[in-house]
N, C-alpha and C. Protein backbone atom coordinates (compact mmCIF):
# COMPACT_ATOMS: atom_id res chain seq x y z
N UNK A 1 15.39 16.37 20.06
CA UNK A 1 14.90 15.35 20.94
C UNK A 1 16.13 15.65 22.50
N UNK A 2 15.59 16.19 23.41
CA UNK A 2 16.47 16.13 24.61
C UNK A 2 17.19 15.34 24.86
N UNK A 3 18.53 15.40 25.05
CA UNK A 3 19.33 13.86 25.75
C UNK A 3 18.83 13.86 26.88
N UNK A 4 18.39 14.01 27.82
CA UNK A 4 17.75 13.74 29.02
C UNK A 4 16.54 13.17 29.26
N UNK A 5 15.93 12.63 28.13
CA UNK A 5 14.69 11.98 28.00
C UNK A 5 14.86 11.43 27.15
N UNK A 6 15.64 10.58 26.78
CA UNK A 6 16.36 9.48 25.80
C UNK A 6 14.85 8.42 25.33
N UNK A 7 14.92 8.66 23.57
CA UNK A 7 13.77 7.73 23.20
C UNK A 7 13.48 6.51 23.17
N UNK A 8 12.88 5.27 23.71
CA UNK A 8 13.60 3.92 23.70
C UNK A 8 12.13 3.60 23.55
N UNK A 9 11.63 3.31 21.90
CA UNK A 9 10.93 2.68 21.12
C UNK A 9 10.85 1.04 21.31
N UNK A 10 9.40 0.38 21.10
CA UNK A 10 9.45 -0.65 21.44
C UNK A 10 9.30 -1.23 19.54
N UNK A 11 9.61 -2.41 19.16
CA UNK A 11 9.41 -3.09 18.12
C UNK A 11 8.26 -2.36 17.19
N UNK A 12 7.17 -2.44 17.55
CA UNK A 12 6.19 -1.99 17.05
C UNK A 12 6.08 -0.77 16.87
N UNK A 13 6.96 0.52 17.35
CA UNK A 13 6.59 1.62 17.38
C UNK A 13 7.40 1.95 16.45
N UNK A 14 9.19 1.08 16.39
CA UNK A 14 9.91 1.02 14.89
C UNK A 14 9.17 1.02 14.29
N UNK A 15 8.14 -0.04 13.91
CA UNK A 15 7.93 -0.71 12.40
C UNK A 15 6.99 0.63 12.23
N UNK A 16 6.21 0.96 12.93
CA UNK A 16 4.98 2.06 12.65
C UNK A 16 5.98 3.49 12.27
N UNK A 17 6.89 4.14 12.86
CA UNK A 17 7.40 5.11 12.39
C UNK A 17 8.43 4.58 11.48
N UNK A 18 8.99 3.51 10.78
CA UNK A 18 10.17 3.62 9.81
C UNK A 18 8.31 3.10 8.50
N UNK A 19 7.22 3.01 9.23
CA UNK A 19 6.20 2.67 7.54
C UNK A 19 6.07 4.12 7.24
N UNK A 20 6.11 4.98 8.15
CA UNK A 20 5.30 6.30 8.14
C UNK A 20 5.90 6.87 6.61
N UNK A 21 7.26 6.64 7.41
CA UNK A 21 8.61 7.65 6.74
C UNK A 21 8.93 7.13 5.39
N UNK A 22 8.59 5.66 5.24
CA UNK A 22 8.50 5.13 4.10
C UNK A 22 7.60 5.76 3.08
N UNK A 23 6.23 5.53 3.36
CA UNK A 23 5.10 5.72 2.47
C UNK A 23 5.10 7.32 1.92
N UNK A 24 5.92 8.51 3.09
CA UNK A 24 5.91 9.83 3.07
C UNK A 24 6.82 9.94 1.81
N UNK A 25 7.71 9.01 1.95
CA UNK A 25 8.67 9.88 0.48
C UNK A 25 8.50 8.40 -0.97
N UNK A 26 7.87 7.67 -0.25
CA UNK A 26 7.74 6.68 -1.94
C UNK A 26 6.32 6.43 -2.26
N UNK A 27 5.44 6.86 -1.84
CA UNK A 27 3.61 7.25 -2.43
C UNK A 27 3.41 8.33 -1.14
N UNK A 28 3.67 9.91 -1.50
CA UNK A 28 3.00 10.74 -1.02
C UNK A 28 1.50 11.16 -1.66
N UNK A 29 1.39 10.31 -3.03
CA UNK A 29 0.29 10.73 -3.28
C UNK A 29 -0.76 9.80 -1.91
N UNK A 30 -0.74 9.38 -1.22
CA UNK A 30 -0.85 8.75 -0.20
C UNK A 30 -1.07 8.67 1.56
N UNK A 31 -0.22 9.89 1.48
CA UNK A 31 -0.09 9.99 2.34
C UNK A 31 -0.03 11.53 3.29
N UNK A 32 -1.02 11.80 4.77
CA UNK A 32 -0.47 10.92 5.55
C UNK A 32 -1.84 9.48 5.42
N UNK A 33 -1.32 8.90 6.14
CA UNK A 33 -2.00 7.18 5.89
C UNK A 33 -2.78 6.89 6.42
N UNK A 34 -4.32 5.80 6.22
CA UNK A 34 -5.22 6.16 7.36
C UNK A 34 -4.87 4.43 8.17
N UNK A 35 -5.52 4.50 8.88
CA UNK A 35 -5.04 3.34 10.20
C UNK A 35 -5.01 1.78 9.36
N UNK A 36 -5.80 1.36 8.62
CA UNK A 36 -5.69 0.62 7.44
C UNK A 36 -4.32 0.30 6.55
N UNK A 37 -4.30 1.34 5.92
CA UNK A 37 -3.05 1.25 5.00
C UNK A 37 -1.85 1.11 5.31
N UNK A 38 -1.92 2.06 7.04
CA UNK A 38 -0.31 1.87 8.00
C UNK A 38 -0.20 0.73 9.01
N UNK A 39 -1.53 -0.04 8.61
CA UNK A 39 -1.36 -1.70 9.45
C UNK A 39 -0.81 -2.47 7.79
N UNK A 40 -1.35 -2.25 6.77
CA UNK A 40 -1.10 -3.02 5.88
C UNK A 40 0.34 -2.86 5.55
N UNK A 41 1.18 -1.32 5.34
CA UNK A 41 2.89 -1.08 5.65
C UNK A 41 3.13 -1.85 6.40
N UNK A 42 2.84 -1.71 7.70
CA UNK A 42 3.56 -2.55 8.43
C UNK A 42 3.80 -4.21 8.59
N UNK A 43 2.83 -4.43 7.79
CA UNK A 43 2.78 -5.69 7.60
C UNK A 43 3.26 -6.56 6.27
N UNK A 44 3.51 -5.16 5.65
CA UNK A 44 3.71 -5.83 3.67
C UNK A 44 4.99 -6.32 4.03
N UNK A 45 5.13 -7.98 3.16
CA UNK A 45 6.46 -8.60 2.95
C UNK A 45 7.83 -8.12 2.37
N UNK A 46 6.93 -7.09 1.80
CA UNK A 46 8.80 -6.20 0.16
C UNK A 46 9.02 -5.42 2.03
N UNK A 47 10.34 -5.20 1.80
CA UNK A 47 11.72 -4.11 2.19
C UNK A 47 11.25 -4.32 3.89
N UNK A 48 10.88 -5.50 4.28
CA UNK A 48 10.86 -5.43 6.10
C UNK A 48 11.37 -6.76 6.26
N UNK A 49 11.77 -6.72 7.69
CA UNK A 49 13.10 -7.84 8.47
C UNK A 49 12.58 -7.20 9.88
N UNK A 50 11.50 -8.22 10.67
CA UNK A 50 10.61 -9.29 10.38
C UNK A 50 9.96 -9.12 9.65
N UNK A 51 9.39 -9.72 8.79
CA UNK A 51 7.60 -9.88 8.09
C UNK A 51 6.34 -9.60 9.91
N UNK A 52 6.21 -9.11 9.56
CA UNK A 52 4.96 -8.88 11.27
C UNK A 52 3.42 -8.90 11.15
N UNK A 53 2.96 -9.22 11.55
CA UNK A 53 1.34 -9.99 12.01
C UNK A 53 0.76 -8.48 12.60
N UNK A 54 1.02 -7.33 13.00
CA UNK A 54 0.52 -6.36 14.21
C UNK A 54 -1.32 -6.09 13.03
N UNK A 55 -1.68 -6.11 14.29
CA UNK A 55 -3.16 -5.67 14.35
C UNK A 55 -3.25 -4.44 14.45
N UNK A 56 -4.62 -4.15 14.00
CA UNK A 56 -5.40 -2.29 14.16
C UNK A 56 -4.97 -2.12 15.90
N UNK A 57 -5.19 -2.68 17.09
CA UNK A 57 -5.20 -2.41 18.06
C UNK A 57 -3.80 -2.32 18.54
N UNK A 58 -2.41 -3.32 17.90
CA UNK A 58 -1.04 -3.13 18.19
C UNK A 58 -0.66 -1.49 17.41
N UNK A 59 -1.25 -1.52 16.07
CA UNK A 59 -0.96 0.02 15.48
C UNK A 59 -1.36 1.26 16.44
N UNK A 60 -2.56 1.25 17.24
CA UNK A 60 -2.74 2.44 17.54
C UNK A 60 -2.09 2.77 18.70
N UNK A 61 -1.86 1.22 19.55
CA UNK A 61 -0.66 1.52 20.81
C UNK A 61 0.45 1.80 20.44
N UNK A 62 0.52 1.58 19.67
CA UNK A 62 2.35 2.32 18.85
C UNK A 62 2.16 3.36 18.85
N UNK A 63 1.18 4.09 17.91
CA UNK A 63 0.37 5.04 17.68
C UNK A 63 0.60 5.80 18.82
N UNK A 64 0.49 5.84 20.05
CA UNK A 64 -0.02 6.25 21.63
C UNK A 64 1.51 6.91 21.51
N UNK A 65 2.34 5.51 21.91
CA UNK A 65 3.58 5.62 22.62
C UNK A 65 4.99 6.52 21.56
N UNK A 66 4.40 6.95 20.42
CA UNK A 66 5.01 7.57 19.47
C UNK A 66 4.30 8.90 19.57
N UNK A 67 3.31 9.04 19.56
CA UNK A 67 2.65 11.11 20.10
C UNK A 67 3.38 11.02 21.09
N UNK A 68 3.67 10.47 22.45
CA UNK A 68 4.29 10.61 23.81
C UNK A 68 5.52 11.12 23.18
N UNK A 69 6.16 10.57 22.07
CA UNK A 69 7.33 10.64 22.15
C UNK A 69 7.59 12.12 21.35
N UNK A 70 6.64 12.48 20.74
CA UNK A 70 6.04 13.95 19.95
C UNK A 70 6.87 13.21 18.43
N UNK A 71 7.18 11.80 18.07
CA UNK A 71 7.61 11.05 16.57
C UNK A 71 6.61 11.05 15.61
N UNK A 72 4.97 10.94 16.08
CA UNK A 72 4.52 10.32 14.93
C UNK A 72 2.64 10.67 15.88
N UNK A 73 1.39 10.64 15.23
CA UNK A 73 0.63 11.06 15.61
C UNK A 73 -0.72 11.26 14.80
N UNK A 74 -2.46 11.92 14.88
CA UNK A 74 -2.83 11.93 13.84
C UNK A 74 -2.48 12.90 12.94
N UNK A 75 -2.38 12.96 12.22
CA UNK A 75 -2.14 14.42 10.99
C UNK A 75 -3.06 15.32 11.20
N UNK A 76 -1.90 16.50 11.27
CA UNK A 76 -2.88 17.96 11.85
C UNK A 76 -3.47 18.86 10.65
N UNK A 77 -3.09 18.40 9.36
CA UNK A 77 -3.57 19.09 8.33
C UNK A 77 -4.92 18.50 7.20
N UNK A 78 -4.87 16.92 8.26
CA UNK A 78 -5.93 16.30 7.27
C UNK A 78 -7.34 16.79 7.27
N UNK A 79 -7.62 16.40 5.80
CA UNK A 79 -9.18 17.08 6.32
C UNK A 79 -10.44 15.60 5.36
N UNK A 80 -11.77 15.63 5.94
CA UNK A 80 -12.42 14.51 5.43
C UNK A 80 -12.44 13.58 7.17
N UNK A 81 -13.04 12.49 6.99
CA UNK A 81 -13.84 11.77 7.87
C UNK A 81 -12.77 10.67 8.45
N UNK A 82 -12.23 10.31 7.52
CA UNK A 82 -10.88 9.29 8.07
C UNK A 82 -10.12 9.43 8.66
N UNK A 83 -9.25 9.59 9.49
CA UNK A 83 -8.95 10.06 10.50
C UNK A 83 -7.42 9.31 9.95
N UNK A 84 -6.19 10.56 10.32
CA UNK A 84 -5.32 9.77 8.96
C UNK A 84 -3.78 10.02 9.96
N UNK A 85 -2.96 9.55 10.12
CA UNK A 85 -1.67 9.35 10.65
C UNK A 85 -0.71 9.94 9.60
N UNK A 86 0.78 10.28 10.82
CA UNK A 86 2.40 11.15 9.79
C UNK A 86 3.21 11.19 11.32
N UNK A 87 4.35 11.26 10.58
CA UNK A 87 4.98 11.05 11.27
C UNK A 87 6.33 12.57 11.91
N UNK A 88 6.77 12.98 12.27
CA UNK A 88 6.96 14.41 12.89
C UNK A 88 8.83 14.15 12.95
N UNK A 89 9.16 13.43 12.45
CA UNK A 89 10.46 13.04 12.67
C UNK A 89 11.48 14.39 12.03
N UNK A 90 10.94 15.20 11.06
CA UNK A 90 11.23 16.62 10.62
C UNK A 90 11.70 17.28 12.11
N UNK A 91 10.35 17.62 12.66
CA UNK A 91 10.52 18.27 14.10
C UNK A 91 11.59 17.84 14.55
N UNK A 92 11.57 16.16 15.30
CA UNK A 92 12.19 16.06 16.31
C UNK A 92 13.57 15.89 16.03
N UNK A 93 14.33 15.67 14.72
CA UNK A 93 15.64 15.91 14.88
C UNK A 93 16.73 16.99 13.88
N UNK A 94 15.42 17.06 12.48
CA UNK A 94 15.80 18.08 11.44
C UNK A 94 16.22 17.22 11.09
N UNK A 95 16.89 15.87 10.45
CA UNK A 95 17.61 14.96 9.59
C UNK A 95 17.69 15.64 8.25
N UNK A 96 18.58 15.32 7.23
CA UNK A 96 19.14 15.74 5.70
C UNK A 96 18.08 14.49 5.37
N UNK A 97 17.85 14.56 3.96
CA UNK A 97 17.46 13.40 2.81
C UNK A 97 18.16 12.41 3.23
N UNK A 98 19.24 12.59 3.15
CA UNK A 98 20.00 11.14 3.35
C UNK A 98 20.44 10.86 4.54
N UNK A 99 19.95 11.32 5.86
CA UNK A 99 19.88 10.83 7.31
C UNK A 99 18.30 10.10 7.23
N UNK A 100 17.99 10.90 6.69
CA UNK A 100 16.25 10.56 6.50
C UNK A 100 16.29 8.65 6.27
N UNK A 101 16.49 8.73 5.25
CA UNK A 101 16.74 7.84 4.34
C UNK A 101 17.18 6.70 5.03
N UNK A 102 18.25 6.27 5.93
CA UNK A 102 19.20 5.78 6.71
C UNK A 102 18.12 5.10 7.78
N UNK A 103 17.76 6.09 8.59
CA UNK A 103 17.35 6.11 9.71
C UNK A 103 15.83 5.01 9.49
N UNK A 104 15.37 5.49 8.13
CA UNK A 104 14.01 4.80 7.65
C UNK A 104 14.00 3.02 7.85
N UNK A 105 15.31 2.72 6.74
CA UNK A 105 15.81 1.81 6.55
C UNK A 105 16.04 0.89 7.60
N UNK A 106 16.69 1.34 8.68
CA UNK A 106 17.12 0.33 9.66
C UNK A 106 15.55 0.45 10.54
N UNK A 107 15.19 1.34 10.91
CA UNK A 107 13.63 1.29 11.61
C UNK A 107 12.86 -0.11 11.38
N UNK A 108 13.12 -0.39 9.77
CA UNK A 108 12.43 -1.58 8.55
C UNK A 108 13.22 -2.68 8.81
N UNK A 109 14.70 -2.94 8.56
CA UNK A 109 15.09 -4.13 8.51
C UNK A 109 16.19 -4.34 9.25
N UNK A 110 16.27 -3.30 10.06
CA UNK A 110 17.43 -3.85 11.93
C UNK A 110 18.56 -3.58 11.09
N UNK A 111 19.62 -4.22 11.42
CA UNK A 111 21.16 -4.05 11.44
C UNK A 111 21.56 -4.38 10.16
N UNK A 112 22.29 -3.75 9.40
CA UNK A 112 22.63 -3.44 8.05
C UNK A 112 24.05 -3.70 7.69
N UNK A 113 24.97 -3.73 6.44
CA UNK A 113 25.77 -3.24 5.70
C UNK A 113 25.76 -2.27 5.42
N UNK A 114 26.94 -1.00 5.31
CA UNK A 114 26.71 -0.17 4.65
C UNK A 114 26.03 -0.25 3.15
N UNK A 115 26.66 -1.54 2.28
CA UNK A 115 26.45 -2.15 1.67
C UNK A 115 24.91 -2.27 1.20
N UNK A 116 24.55 -2.85 2.00
CA UNK A 116 22.90 -3.22 2.11
C UNK A 116 22.42 -2.20 2.39
N UNK A 117 22.47 -1.06 3.29
CA UNK A 117 22.05 0.32 3.04
C UNK A 117 21.66 1.08 2.31
N UNK A 118 22.64 1.34 1.25
CA UNK A 118 22.91 1.50 0.32
C UNK A 118 21.44 1.69 -1.33
N UNK A 119 22.03 0.13 -1.28
CA UNK A 119 20.68 -0.96 -2.35
C UNK A 119 19.35 -0.48 -1.95
N UNK A 120 18.97 -0.62 -0.42
CA UNK A 120 17.95 -0.33 0.17
C UNK A 120 17.56 0.83 0.37
N UNK A 121 18.08 1.88 0.44
CA UNK A 121 17.65 3.44 0.25
C UNK A 121 17.64 3.96 -1.19
N UNK A 122 17.70 3.54 -1.99
CA UNK A 122 17.83 3.63 -3.47
C UNK A 122 15.80 4.74 -4.24
N UNK A 123 15.10 4.50 -3.51
CA UNK A 123 13.48 4.35 -3.62
C UNK A 123 13.83 5.89 -2.80
N UNK A 124 14.60 6.26 -1.85
CA UNK A 124 13.97 7.38 -1.16
C UNK A 124 15.37 8.12 -1.23
N UNK A 125 16.79 8.18 -1.74
CA UNK A 125 17.54 8.74 -1.58
C UNK A 125 18.81 7.70 -2.02
N UNK A 126 19.33 8.67 -3.48
CA UNK A 126 20.73 7.97 -3.87
C UNK A 126 22.04 8.31 -3.11
N UNK A 127 22.24 7.12 -2.97
CA UNK A 127 23.82 7.45 -2.69
C UNK A 127 24.73 7.09 -3.59
N UNK A 128 25.54 7.67 -4.59
CA UNK A 128 26.54 7.78 -5.17
C UNK A 128 27.74 6.47 -4.77
N UNK A 129 28.18 6.60 -3.87
CA UNK A 129 29.38 5.49 -3.53
C UNK A 129 28.98 5.28 -1.25
N UNK A 130 29.49 4.20 -1.69
CA UNK A 130 29.53 3.45 -0.04
C UNK A 130 30.75 4.85 0.63
N UNK A 131 31.16 5.85 0.62
CA UNK A 131 31.58 6.46 0.96
C UNK A 131 30.49 7.63 1.90
N UNK A 132 29.45 7.89 0.87
CA UNK A 132 28.70 8.61 1.46
C UNK A 132 27.31 8.25 2.10
N UNK A 133 27.20 6.76 2.36
CA UNK A 133 26.60 5.65 3.22
C UNK A 133 27.39 6.02 4.56
N UNK A 134 28.61 5.93 4.43
CA UNK A 134 29.41 6.36 5.48
C UNK A 134 28.95 7.17 6.38
N UNK A 135 29.49 8.34 5.35
CA UNK A 135 29.16 9.72 5.49
C UNK A 135 27.70 10.38 6.41
N UNK A 136 26.49 9.37 6.00
CA UNK A 136 25.48 9.77 7.15
C UNK A 136 25.47 9.04 7.86
N UNK A 137 25.69 7.93 8.14
CA UNK A 137 25.64 7.03 9.63
C UNK A 137 26.58 7.90 10.36
N UNK A 138 28.08 8.16 10.09
CA UNK A 138 28.45 8.77 11.39
C UNK A 138 27.90 10.48 11.76
N UNK A 139 27.25 11.20 10.78
CA UNK A 139 26.73 12.14 11.41
C UNK A 139 25.26 11.48 12.10
N UNK A 140 24.54 10.40 12.05
CA UNK A 140 23.94 10.05 13.21
C UNK A 140 24.59 10.01 14.36
N UNK A 141 25.60 8.62 14.35
CA UNK A 141 26.55 8.49 15.39
C UNK A 141 27.11 9.45 16.24
N UNK A 142 27.17 10.55 15.35
CA UNK A 142 27.92 12.01 16.38
C UNK A 142 26.49 12.41 17.18
N UNK A 143 25.51 12.31 16.74
CA UNK A 143 24.09 12.92 17.29
C UNK A 143 24.50 12.76 19.36
N UNK A 144 23.82 14.05 19.93
CA UNK A 144 24.15 13.41 21.13
C UNK A 144 22.60 13.50 22.03
N UNK A 145 21.84 12.04 22.29
CA UNK A 145 22.64 10.86 22.04
C UNK A 145 23.21 10.66 20.93
N UNK A 146 23.94 9.24 20.54
CA UNK A 146 23.84 8.58 19.08
C UNK A 146 22.53 8.14 19.05
N UNK A 147 21.96 8.52 17.75
CA UNK A 147 20.89 7.29 16.99
C UNK A 147 21.71 6.48 16.31
N UNK A 148 22.75 5.75 16.04
CA UNK A 148 23.44 4.99 14.78
C UNK A 148 24.29 4.08 15.63
N UNK A 149 24.56 3.05 16.04
CA UNK A 149 25.62 2.10 16.64
C UNK A 149 26.47 1.23 15.57
N UNK A 150 27.44 0.98 15.68
CA UNK A 150 28.41 0.54 14.38
C UNK A 150 28.50 -0.97 15.09
N UNK A 151 28.13 -2.53 14.90
CA UNK A 151 28.31 -3.08 15.49
C UNK A 151 29.55 -4.35 15.51
N UNK A 152 29.70 -5.20 16.19
CA UNK A 152 30.65 -6.19 16.07
C UNK A 152 30.65 -6.46 14.90
N UNK A 153 31.85 -6.58 14.13
CA UNK A 153 31.59 -7.43 12.50
C UNK A 153 31.87 -8.98 12.78
N UNK A 154 30.81 -9.54 12.13
CA UNK A 154 30.27 -11.12 12.26
C UNK A 154 31.09 -11.60 11.62
N UNK A 155 31.42 -13.01 12.00
CA UNK A 155 32.66 -14.11 11.07
C UNK A 155 32.33 -14.00 9.84
N UNK A 156 33.00 -14.01 8.79
CA UNK A 156 32.70 -14.54 7.66
C UNK A 156 32.44 -13.29 6.57
N UNK A 157 32.67 -11.97 7.37
CA UNK A 157 31.38 -10.71 6.63
C UNK A 157 32.49 -9.83 6.73
N UNK A 158 32.59 -9.35 5.38
CA UNK A 158 33.33 -8.34 4.95
C UNK A 158 33.58 -6.45 5.76
N UNK A 159 31.66 -6.82 6.11
CA UNK A 159 31.63 -5.31 6.42
C UNK A 159 31.08 -5.36 8.33
N UNK A 160 30.98 -4.31 8.62
CA UNK A 160 30.10 -3.99 9.65
C UNK A 160 28.62 -3.95 9.64
N UNK A 161 28.13 -4.31 10.20
CA UNK A 161 26.60 -3.87 10.11
C UNK A 161 26.33 -2.55 11.11
N UNK A 162 25.57 -1.63 10.91
CA UNK A 162 24.87 -0.65 11.59
C UNK A 162 23.40 -1.00 12.18
N UNK A 163 23.37 -0.82 13.54
CA UNK A 163 21.81 -0.04 13.85
C UNK A 163 21.33 1.13 14.75
N UNK A 164 19.63 0.88 14.50
CA UNK A 164 19.44 2.46 15.28
C UNK A 164 19.54 1.90 16.91
N UNK A 165 19.72 3.16 17.60
CA UNK A 165 18.91 3.25 19.10
C UNK A 165 18.34 3.51 19.25
N UNK A 166 17.16 3.98 18.35
CA UNK A 166 15.90 4.60 19.34
C UNK A 166 14.98 3.64 20.00
N UNK A 167 15.11 2.39 19.93
CA UNK A 167 14.87 1.29 20.35
C UNK A 167 15.85 1.01 21.98
N UNK A 168 17.08 1.81 21.76
CA UNK A 168 17.99 1.01 23.06
C UNK A 168 19.00 0.47 22.69
N UNK A 169 20.01 0.42 23.18
CA UNK A 169 20.94 -0.51 22.61
C UNK A 169 20.61 -2.29 21.67
N UNK A 170 21.05 -1.67 21.15
CA UNK A 170 21.00 -2.93 20.22
C UNK A 170 20.24 -4.43 20.73
N UNK A 171 21.33 -5.32 22.17
CA UNK A 171 21.19 -6.33 22.48
C UNK A 171 19.65 -6.28 23.10
N UNK A 172 19.31 -5.22 23.38
CA UNK A 172 18.01 -5.00 24.31
C UNK A 172 16.84 -5.26 23.43
N UNK A 173 17.12 -5.41 21.93
CA UNK A 173 16.07 -4.88 20.91
C UNK A 173 15.12 -6.19 21.40
N UNK A 174 13.89 -6.15 20.91
CA UNK A 174 13.03 -7.29 20.71
C UNK A 174 12.43 -7.30 19.41
N UNK A 175 12.52 -8.48 18.84
CA UNK A 175 11.73 -8.24 17.29
C UNK A 175 10.09 -8.19 17.94
N UNK A 176 9.59 -7.75 16.89
CA UNK A 176 7.81 -7.66 16.96
C UNK A 176 7.27 -9.06 16.62
N UNK A 177 6.31 -9.25 17.11
CA UNK A 177 5.27 -10.75 16.62
C UNK A 177 5.97 -10.91 15.02
N UNK A 178 6.43 -11.17 14.54
CA UNK A 178 6.70 -12.48 13.36
C UNK A 178 6.07 -13.85 13.06
N UNK A 179 5.37 -13.60 11.36
CA UNK A 179 5.00 -14.15 11.37
C UNK A 179 5.76 -15.75 10.98
N UNK A 180 5.37 -16.83 11.24
CA UNK A 180 6.29 -18.06 10.86
C UNK A 180 5.79 -18.39 9.04
N UNK A 181 6.26 -17.55 8.36
CA UNK A 181 6.33 -17.90 7.01
C UNK A 181 7.90 -17.80 6.08
N UNK A 182 7.83 -18.56 5.29
CA UNK A 182 8.93 -18.33 4.56
C UNK A 182 9.58 -16.97 3.86
N UNK A 183 10.32 -16.99 3.75
CA UNK A 183 10.41 -15.57 3.04
C UNK A 183 9.55 -15.34 1.52
N UNK A 184 9.68 -14.44 0.82
CA UNK A 184 8.01 -13.94 -0.10
C UNK A 184 9.18 -14.44 -1.22
N UNK A 185 8.06 -14.43 -1.67
CA UNK A 185 9.04 -14.60 -2.84
C UNK A 185 8.56 -13.03 -3.87
N UNK A 186 9.54 -12.68 -4.57
CA UNK A 186 9.40 -11.98 -6.07
C UNK A 186 7.84 -11.66 -6.05
N UNK A 187 7.32 -12.56 -6.54
CA UNK A 187 5.80 -12.73 -6.98
C UNK A 187 4.58 -12.13 -5.28
N UNK A 188 5.40 -12.69 -4.61
CA UNK A 188 4.39 -12.40 -3.46
C UNK A 188 4.75 -11.08 -3.29
N UNK A 189 5.67 -10.78 -2.99
CA UNK A 189 5.68 -9.16 -2.68
C UNK A 189 5.32 -8.28 -3.32
N UNK A 190 5.29 -8.57 -4.85
CA UNK A 190 4.32 -7.42 -5.89
C UNK A 190 2.78 -7.40 -5.73
N UNK A 191 2.32 -8.37 -5.14
CA UNK A 191 1.15 -9.29 -4.67
C UNK A 191 0.80 -8.31 -3.40
N UNK A 192 1.62 -8.20 -2.21
CA UNK A 192 1.04 -7.95 -1.22
C UNK A 192 1.24 -5.93 -1.49
N UNK A 193 2.02 -5.84 -2.52
CA UNK A 193 2.49 -4.37 -2.69
C UNK A 193 0.95 -3.60 -3.70
N UNK A 194 0.67 -4.52 -4.08
CA UNK A 194 -0.69 -4.12 -5.19
C UNK A 194 -1.33 -3.91 -4.00
N UNK A 195 -2.13 -5.54 -3.25
CA UNK A 195 -3.27 -4.98 -2.28
C UNK A 195 -2.86 -4.01 -1.45
N UNK A 196 -1.88 -3.40 -1.35
CA UNK A 196 -1.82 -2.38 -0.10
C UNK A 196 -2.14 -0.76 -0.45
N UNK A 197 -2.12 -0.84 -2.20
CA UNK A 197 -2.21 -0.01 -2.92
C UNK A 197 -4.03 0.35 -3.67
N UNK A 198 -4.16 -0.98 -3.51
CA UNK A 198 -5.79 -1.71 -3.53
C UNK A 198 -7.03 -0.85 -2.82
N UNK A 199 -6.13 -1.21 -1.20
CA UNK A 199 -6.63 -0.26 -0.27
C UNK A 199 -6.70 1.06 0.01
N UNK A 200 -5.61 1.29 0.05
CA UNK A 200 -5.87 2.82 -0.69
C UNK A 200 -6.53 3.34 -1.56
N UNK A 201 -6.39 2.99 -2.86
CA UNK A 201 -7.29 3.49 -3.70
C UNK A 201 -9.13 3.46 -3.32
N UNK A 202 -9.65 2.35 -2.58
CA UNK A 202 -10.71 1.82 -2.28
C UNK A 202 -11.01 3.41 -1.08
N UNK A 203 -9.98 3.65 -0.86
CA UNK A 203 -10.34 4.84 0.62
C UNK A 203 -10.36 5.79 -0.05
N UNK A 204 -9.89 6.32 -0.75
CA UNK A 204 -9.66 7.97 -1.81
C UNK A 204 -10.69 7.66 -2.57
N UNK A 205 -11.20 6.71 -3.18
CA UNK A 205 -12.43 6.52 -3.78
C UNK A 205 -14.30 7.00 -3.04
N UNK A 206 -13.98 6.18 -1.65
CA UNK A 206 -14.96 6.58 -0.80
C UNK A 206 -14.98 8.10 0.01
N UNK A 207 -14.03 8.12 -0.09
CA UNK A 207 -13.73 9.97 0.60
C UNK A 207 -14.30 10.66 -1.04
N UNK A 208 -13.93 10.74 -2.05
CA UNK A 208 -14.61 11.14 -3.10
C UNK A 208 -15.71 11.15 -3.31
N UNK A 209 -16.55 9.65 -4.01
CA UNK A 209 -17.80 9.82 -3.18
C UNK A 209 -18.53 10.40 -1.92
N UNK A 210 -17.64 10.44 -0.84
CA UNK A 210 -18.89 11.65 -0.23
C UNK A 210 -18.78 12.82 -0.12
N UNK A 211 -17.74 13.50 -0.90
CA UNK A 211 -17.89 14.18 -1.32
C UNK A 211 -18.51 14.78 -2.53
N UNK A 212 -18.94 14.69 -3.48
CA UNK A 212 -19.98 14.53 -4.08
C UNK A 212 -21.78 14.76 -3.87
N UNK A 213 -21.17 13.64 -2.92
CA UNK A 213 -22.82 13.38 -2.36
C UNK A 213 -23.18 14.73 -2.01
N UNK A 214 -22.10 14.93 -0.82
CA UNK A 214 -22.26 16.46 -0.24
C UNK A 214 -22.74 17.20 -1.33
N UNK A 215 -21.71 17.96 -2.08
CA UNK A 215 -22.18 18.77 -2.62
C UNK A 215 -23.62 18.86 -3.43
N UNK A 216 -23.85 17.11 -4.29
CA UNK A 216 -25.56 17.39 -4.38
C UNK A 216 -26.41 17.37 -3.56
N UNK A 217 -26.08 17.18 -2.31
CA UNK A 217 -27.30 16.80 -1.33
C UNK A 217 -28.08 18.80 -0.91
């Protein structure tokens, strides 16, 4: 991206982009995502802060904004009747796997300490040491324009937190619409993940059925 046209993602756009990045890495067999699967991915209760309640119109609008920034849009190579969506982060920034994992978790969960980032990126990229996390964050901070910033240390905290800057200065970030629900239990999080997987499997079965019917016709 050119420095003369800085990206300013809305909270919904950041959530959609983060969800697409996460699913490409963690469940590549279901990627690119249908609109329904993408809505589920945005609103899942695990690995999201805050939990949101985006609907299809919210996600469509976010996708339009991301497409204008050339960060995500309709999958270019998807076949079948169901429209799929993908991110284009690699084309936009040419991130390493470590940088991609860090940006993904920052997009999905907001400002975090290096220790939190190390644990939460485990499924996408393994950082052996905290120093590896800091090195990745430093590279993102040295981009032009910077993509990550270190926040002032909060009272009582040993580590500083880091935040992405794709939505502008951190103090101007508006949180997406959050559900007034308590923190989900481990069991509830697992159920939410399974429900999203079942929805994706149903769509895959429907596509396979259509292919079989067309072959038999």
